[in-house]
N, C-alpha and C. Protein backbone atom coordinates (compact mmCIF):
# COMPACT_ATOMS: atom_id res chain seq x y z
N MET A 1 297.00 -53.84 229.31
CA MET A 1 297.47 -53.24 228.54
C MET A 1 299.17 -52.70 228.33
N ALA A 2 299.79 -53.14 229.38
CA ALA A 2 301.23 -52.91 229.85
C ALA A 2 302.32 -53.09 228.61
N ASN A 3 302.18 -54.22 227.89
CA ASN A 3 303.10 -54.73 227.35
C ASN A 3 302.30 -54.73 225.72
N ASP A 4 301.27 -53.45 225.45
CA ASP A 4 300.56 -53.94 224.14
C ASP A 4 301.21 -52.81 223.34
N HIS A 5 301.65 -53.22 222.54
CA HIS A 5 302.62 -52.50 221.16
C HIS A 5 302.13 -52.25 219.98
N ARG A 6 300.66 -52.60 219.75
CA ARG A 6 299.83 -52.17 218.91
C ARG A 6 299.86 -50.48 218.95
N PRO A 7 299.79 -50.42 217.42
CA PRO A 7 299.44 -48.67 217.55
C PRO A 7 297.83 -48.55 217.52
N LEU A 8 297.65 -47.34 218.26
CA LEU A 8 296.48 -46.55 218.59
C LEU A 8 295.45 -46.78 217.23
N LEU A 9 295.83 -46.56 216.01
CA LEU A 9 295.15 -46.77 215.16
C LEU A 9 295.77 -47.50 214.04
N PRO A 10 295.32 -48.71 213.78
CA PRO A 10 295.32 -49.70 212.85
C PRO A 10 295.81 -49.61 211.73
N GLU A 11 295.21 -48.81 211.16
CA GLU A 11 295.52 -48.42 210.01
C GLU A 11 297.30 -47.58 209.67
N SER A 12 297.86 -47.16 210.77
CA SER A 12 299.15 -46.55 210.93
C SER A 12 300.06 -47.55 210.73
N GLU A 13 300.04 -48.89 211.22
CA GLU A 13 301.09 -49.94 210.81
C GLU A 13 301.43 -50.11 209.70
N ARG A 14 300.61 -50.20 209.08
CA ARG A 14 302.12 -50.06 207.42
C ARG A 14 303.04 -49.09 207.52
N ALA A 15 302.52 -47.62 207.42
CA ALA A 15 303.57 -46.59 207.88
C ALA A 15 304.57 -46.54 208.81
N LEU A 16 304.19 -47.04 209.82
CA LEU A 16 304.84 -47.04 210.93
C LEU A 16 306.01 -48.33 210.65
N ASP A 17 305.77 -49.49 209.67
CA ASP A 17 306.74 -50.41 209.48
C ASP A 17 307.79 -49.96 208.31
N ARG A 18 307.16 -49.14 207.28
CA ARG A 18 307.77 -48.31 206.45
C ARG A 18 308.85 -47.12 207.02
N LEU A 19 308.48 -46.81 207.94
CA LEU A 19 309.16 -45.71 208.86
C LEU A 19 310.40 -46.53 209.34
N LYS A 20 310.12 -47.92 209.98
CA LYS A 20 310.91 -48.68 210.82
C LYS A 20 311.92 -49.31 209.91
N TYR A 21 311.76 -49.52 208.55
CA TYR A 21 312.77 -49.93 207.57
C TYR A 21 313.38 -48.95 206.96
N GLU A 22 312.88 -47.57 206.66
CA GLU A 22 313.30 -46.70 206.43
C GLU A 22 314.63 -46.02 207.53
N VAL A 23 314.16 -46.18 208.94
CA VAL A 23 315.43 -45.80 210.04
C VAL A 23 316.62 -46.77 209.98
N ALA A 24 316.35 -48.03 209.81
CA ALA A 24 316.99 -49.07 209.68
C ALA A 24 318.14 -49.12 208.71
N GLU A 25 317.46 -48.53 207.16
CA GLU A 25 318.26 -48.46 206.29
C GLU A 25 319.29 -47.32 206.20
N ASP A 26 318.69 -45.74 206.81
CA ASP A 26 319.65 -45.26 207.21
C ASP A 26 320.78 -45.24 208.20
N LEU A 27 320.57 -46.18 209.00
CA LEU A 27 321.65 -46.50 210.08
C LEU A 27 322.36 -47.40 209.82
N GLY A 28 322.52 -48.42 208.37
CA GLY A 28 322.71 -48.89 208.11
C GLY A 28 322.70 -50.80 208.49
N LEU A 29 321.81 -50.81 209.26
CA LEU A 29 321.26 -51.74 209.61
C LEU A 29 320.32 -52.54 208.61
N ASP A 30 319.81 -52.35 207.64
CA ASP A 30 319.10 -53.28 206.90
C ASP A 30 319.01 -54.47 206.66
N ASP A 31 320.81 -54.33 206.29
CA ASP A 31 321.38 -55.66 205.86
C ASP A 31 321.19 -56.84 206.78
N ASP A 32 321.66 -56.02 208.19
CA ASP A 32 321.66 -56.99 209.46
C ASP A 32 320.19 -57.83 209.51
N ILE A 33 319.31 -57.26 209.35
CA ILE A 33 317.71 -57.40 209.53
C ILE A 33 317.29 -58.45 208.64
N GLN A 34 317.80 -58.06 207.05
CA GLN A 34 317.84 -59.39 205.86
C GLN A 34 318.67 -60.31 206.29
N GLU A 35 319.70 -60.23 207.02
CA GLU A 35 320.52 -61.57 207.45
C GLU A 35 320.05 -62.22 208.69
N LYS A 36 319.78 -61.49 209.23
CA LYS A 36 319.18 -62.12 210.69
C LYS A 36 317.87 -62.26 210.75
N GLY A 37 317.29 -61.07 210.83
CA GLY A 37 315.84 -61.16 211.11
C GLY A 37 315.97 -60.45 212.26
N TRP A 38 314.37 -59.68 212.31
CA TRP A 38 314.30 -58.82 213.36
C TRP A 38 314.78 -59.86 215.06
N ALA A 39 314.07 -60.87 215.28
CA ALA A 39 314.25 -61.57 216.32
C ALA A 39 315.87 -61.77 216.90
N ASN A 40 316.97 -61.76 215.77
CA ASN A 40 318.19 -62.12 216.31
C ASN A 40 318.94 -60.52 216.00
N MET A 41 318.32 -59.42 216.24
CA MET A 41 318.93 -58.16 216.10
C MET A 41 319.35 -57.88 217.90
N THR A 42 320.38 -57.19 218.36
CA THR A 42 320.73 -56.93 218.92
C THR A 42 319.62 -55.87 219.75
N THR A 43 319.54 -55.91 221.05
CA THR A 43 318.77 -54.61 221.96
C THR A 43 319.13 -53.31 221.45
N ARG A 44 320.41 -53.26 221.66
CA ARG A 44 321.17 -52.01 220.96
C ARG A 44 320.59 -51.39 219.87
N GLN A 45 320.60 -52.47 218.76
CA GLN A 45 320.60 -51.98 217.19
C GLN A 45 318.71 -51.79 217.24
N VAL A 46 317.82 -52.75 217.79
CA VAL A 46 316.50 -52.27 217.90
C VAL A 46 316.09 -51.24 218.66
N GLY A 47 317.13 -51.01 219.96
CA GLY A 47 316.96 -49.61 220.56
C GLY A 47 317.47 -48.29 219.64
N LYS A 48 318.34 -48.61 218.73
CA LYS A 48 318.88 -47.30 217.44
C LYS A 48 317.68 -46.99 217.17
N ILE A 49 316.77 -47.92 216.41
CA ILE A 49 315.85 -48.06 215.28
C ILE A 49 314.78 -47.11 215.81
N GLY A 50 314.59 -47.94 217.13
CA GLY A 50 313.14 -47.33 218.03
C GLY A 50 313.29 -46.00 218.73
N GLY A 51 314.97 -45.39 218.60
CA GLY A 51 314.94 -44.09 219.12
C GLY A 51 314.95 -43.32 218.00
N ASN A 52 315.32 -43.65 217.00
CA ASN A 52 315.45 -42.89 215.79
C ASN A 52 314.01 -42.74 215.37
N MET A 53 312.96 -43.73 215.46
CA MET A 53 311.71 -43.27 214.84
C MET A 53 311.05 -42.41 215.67
N VAL A 54 311.11 -42.47 217.23
CA VAL A 54 310.25 -41.79 217.68
C VAL A 54 311.02 -39.99 217.78
N ARG A 55 312.63 -40.00 217.52
CA ARG A 55 312.95 -38.58 216.77
C ARG A 55 311.98 -38.01 215.99
N ARG A 56 312.30 -38.63 214.53
CA ARG A 56 311.01 -38.61 213.41
C ARG A 56 310.17 -38.19 213.69
N LEU A 57 309.42 -38.92 214.55
CA LEU A 57 307.78 -39.06 214.57
C LEU A 57 307.39 -37.48 215.72
N ILE A 58 308.34 -37.21 216.25
CA ILE A 58 308.42 -35.61 217.07
C ILE A 58 308.46 -35.14 216.31
N LYS A 59 309.28 -34.80 215.34
CA LYS A 59 309.62 -33.70 214.27
C LYS A 59 308.44 -33.78 213.40
N ARG A 60 307.94 -35.05 212.93
CA ARG A 60 306.86 -34.69 212.03
C ARG A 60 305.40 -34.01 212.95
N ALA A 61 305.49 -34.09 214.01
CA ALA A 61 303.89 -33.59 215.11
C ALA A 61 304.37 -32.12 215.20
N GLU A 62 305.55 -31.83 215.69
CA GLU A 62 306.20 -30.67 216.01
C GLU A 62 306.07 -29.77 214.68
N ARG A 63 306.19 -30.10 213.24
CA ARG A 63 306.13 -29.21 212.09
C ARG A 63 304.59 -29.22 211.96
N ASP A 64 303.82 -30.37 212.11
CA ASP A 64 302.26 -30.34 211.97
C ASP A 64 301.80 -29.47 212.65
N LEU A 65 301.82 -29.56 213.74
CA LEU A 65 301.43 -28.31 214.71
C LEU A 65 302.19 -26.68 214.30
N ALA A 66 303.08 -25.99 214.08
CA ALA A 66 303.57 -25.06 213.56
C ALA A 66 302.93 -24.92 212.33
N GLU A 67 302.42 -25.87 211.71
CA GLU A 67 301.50 -25.25 210.56
C GLU A 67 300.14 -25.42 211.03
N ASP A 68 299.60 -25.60 211.78
CA ASP A 68 298.13 -25.32 212.24
C ASP A 68 298.27 -23.95 213.37
N GLU A 69 299.53 -23.51 213.50
CA GLU A 69 299.26 -22.14 214.15
C GLU A 69 299.03 -20.86 213.02
């Protein structure tokens, strides 16, 4: 399972894809994705998208946890 990047909950895959494109658009990388495709994006570009996705997911989790208290 070392290289298994599938979501733990398969039903969340669509939401994660939407988030990925939302982040890419916010970073101004959506045009590059449309022109080049994901396979031809640089490691830096893809890492930037992934890093920002993680930040947003952490913020959402923190907000959800704060609401539960």
